[in-house]
Amino acid sequence: MIRSIPIASLLAVCLAITGIQSARAEDKATHGVLTSKDYKFVCEAAIGGQNEVTLSQLAGQKASDQSVKDFAQRMVADHQKANQELKQLTSDKGAILPDTETKKSEKLAEHLQNLSGGEFDRAYMKDMVSDHKKVVKLFEKAAEHSDDGDLKSWAVKTLPTLQDHLRMAESIDATLNGTKVASN
């Protein structure tokens, strides 16, 4: 009985080490040469970028205000381009991007699908402002702190477009809601 305790403990340690090694191998398989921090960034950027495309395609069909339709077209074009660049960059680094559909984005798309006219326009633009505020911060952080030089360069290159999207979204949102946008 006393001898079985050390064997059981040894077995538990071996299983824990195997689990850690398995997790590391899985990380290597999905992260490629990217650090965990950089991989987290590319995952968040991929999910956000695809969400922009999906919602903006919907806005291209449902928006009633021409400025919202024009903005949606720009979002689709710019984010499809950025998504493709990110996909190529992560592939070059041996990383695998996760499925970009999230429950949150599905829920938002479903909510927007049920709106129409000005109500749709305001809800879409509100989301675009909120989302682009988060995305700009995400890219600012990556542009400054990414461990991978290529990823850092891509974030630096993409950031001005995202900042422009935020300014446009805030302006359109303010117009739709009859308020003034604060100038930066």
Foldseek 3Di string as FASTA:
>chain_A
DVVVVVVVVVVVVVVVVVVVVVVVVVCCQAQQQFDPVVLVLLQVLLLLLVLLQVLLVVCCVFEDDVLSNVLSVVSNVLSVVLNVVSCVVSVVSNHHHDPNDDPVSVVLSVVLVPDHYLVSSLSSLVVQLVSLVVNLVSLVCLLPDGPDPVSNVSSVVSNVVSVVSNVSSQCSNCVSVVHDRDDD
